[in-house]
Amino acid sequence: PTGCAEAPALVTSKCANAGCHDANSKQAGLSLASGWENMVRGQASACGGGASVLVPGDPDASSVYTKVTATPPCNNRMPLGGQPLSDTEIACIRDFIAALTP
């Protein structure tokens, strides 16, 4: 991808290593610690379930992106109880997903 190369490390540090979506705690049944490739196959429980964690080329259909925005489509902004990601960090995740081949 030609998007923001720091996005995988950013998601790992802010979401997977924060005790929320790591391999052990899996809040809402979601582990983001296993890499972007596994996120493509994942389904999020957000918004009643069935939402895709990551849709290559489509950040707006990817809950890993929409849940960190200021106005997520449902439920709470992530990281829950933590400092929201900066606009630059959010744009990085968006650009990375947009650059992935569908």
Protein backbone atom coordinates (compact mmCIF):
# COMPACT_ATOMS: atom_id res chain seq x y z
CA PRO A 1 0.00 0.00 0.00
CA THR A 2 1.06 3.57 -0.58
CA GLY A 3 -0.96 5.00 2.31
CA CYS A 4 0.41 5.79 5.74
CA ALA A 5 2.92 3.02 6.48
CA GLU A 6 2.69 3.61 10.25
CA ALA A 7 -0.97 2.52 10.45
CA PRO A 8 -0.38 -1.14 11.46
CA ALA A 9 1.95 -0.14 14.30
CA LEU A 10 -0.47 2.61 15.32
CA VAL A 11 -3.42 0.21 15.60
CA THR A 12 -1.27 -2.29 17.48
CA SER A 13 -0.08 0.31 19.99
CA LYS A 14 -3.41 2.10 20.49
CA CYS A 15 -5.81 -0.84 20.27
CA ALA A 16 -4.15 -4.24 20.46
CA ASN A 17 -1.53 -3.50 23.12
CA ALA A 18 -3.76 -1.36 25.28
CA GLY A 19 -5.38 -4.29 27.06
CA CYS A 20 -8.53 -3.97 25.00
CA HIS A 21 -8.21 -5.85 21.72
CA ASP A 22 -5.11 -7.92 22.41
CA ALA A 23 -4.94 -11.70 22.06
CA ASN A 24 -5.90 -12.22 25.71
CA SER A 25 -8.64 -9.68 26.46
CA LYS A 26 -10.39 -9.57 23.05
CA GLN A 27 -12.95 -6.96 24.09
CA ALA A 28 -16.20 -7.46 22.14
CA GLY A 29 -14.60 -10.67 20.84
CA LEU A 30 -12.12 -8.74 18.71
CA SER A 31 -8.35 -9.19 18.69
CA LEU A 32 -6.39 -6.70 16.61
CA ALA A 33 -3.07 -8.26 17.62
CA SER A 34 -2.91 -10.78 14.79
CA GLY A 35 -2.16 -8.42 11.92
CA TRP A 36 -4.02 -6.69 9.11
CA GLU A 37 -4.36 -9.85 7.05
CA ASN A 38 -6.51 -11.49 9.71
CA MET A 39 -8.62 -8.35 10.14
CA VAL A 40 -9.89 -8.73 6.57
CA ARG A 41 -11.66 -11.94 7.60
CA GLY A 42 -12.87 -10.56 10.93
CA GLN A 43 -16.35 -9.46 11.83
CA ALA A 44 -16.93 -6.85 14.51
CA SER A 45 -19.71 -7.05 17.07
CA ALA A 46 -20.13 -3.28 16.68
CA CYS A 47 -23.43 -2.03 15.33
CA GLY A 48 -25.26 -5.26 16.02
CA GLY A 49 -22.60 -7.52 14.53
CA GLY A 50 -21.69 -8.33 10.99
CA ALA A 51 -19.61 -5.21 10.42
CA SER A 52 -16.30 -5.95 8.74
CA VAL A 53 -13.22 -5.09 10.75
CA LEU A 54 -11.25 -4.21 7.61
CA VAL A 55 -12.44 -3.80 4.02
CA PRO A 56 -9.41 -3.21 1.76
CA GLY A 57 -9.83 0.00 -0.22
CA ASP A 58 -12.90 1.12 1.78
CA PRO A 59 -12.15 2.80 5.11
CA ASP A 60 -15.78 3.86 5.60
CA ALA A 61 -16.86 0.19 5.61
CA SER A 62 -14.01 -0.78 7.99
CA SER A 63 -14.91 -0.68 11.67
CA VAL A 64 -11.20 -0.45 12.61
CA TYR A 65 -11.40 3.04 11.05
CA THR A 66 -14.98 4.17 11.76
CA LYS A 67 -14.79 3.38 15.48
CA VAL A 68 -11.90 5.81 16.03
CA THR A 69 -13.60 8.73 14.28
CA ALA A 70 -15.26 11.53 16.22
CA THR A 71 -18.73 10.26 15.32
CA PRO A 72 -18.72 6.47 14.91
CA PRO A 73 -21.83 5.02 13.24
CA CYS A 74 -22.90 3.40 16.51
CA ASN A 75 -21.84 2.82 20.09
CA ASN A 76 -18.75 4.50 21.53
CA ARG A 77 -15.66 6.08 20.06
CA MET A 78 -12.51 4.04 20.54
CA PRO A 79 -10.27 3.72 22.41
CA LEU A 80 -12.96 3.47 25.07
CA GLY A 81 -11.91 5.42 28.14
CA GLY A 82 -8.63 6.41 26.49
CA GLN A 83 -7.27 9.45 24.73
CA PRO A 84 -8.88 9.71 21.27
CA LEU A 85 -6.56 9.34 18.33
CA SER A 86 -5.38 12.59 16.79
CA ASP A 87 -6.72 13.75 13.43
CA THR A 88 -3.34 12.83 11.95
CA GLU A 89 -3.49 9.30 13.37
CA ILE A 90 -7.06 8.83 12.12
CA ALA A 91 -6.08 10.08 8.66
CA CYS A 92 -3.14 7.67 8.67
CA ILE A 93 -5.45 4.69 9.28
CA ARG A 94 -7.89 5.93 6.64
CA ASP A 95 -5.15 6.43 4.04
CA PHE A 96 -3.63 3.02 4.74
CA ILE A 97 -6.94 1.20 4.32
CA ALA A 98 -7.81 3.23 1.21
CA ALA A 99 -4.50 2.20 -0.38
CA LEU A 100 -5.08 -1.54 0.19
CA THR A 101 -6.05 -3.53 -2.88
CA PRO A 102 -9.68 -4.69 -2.66
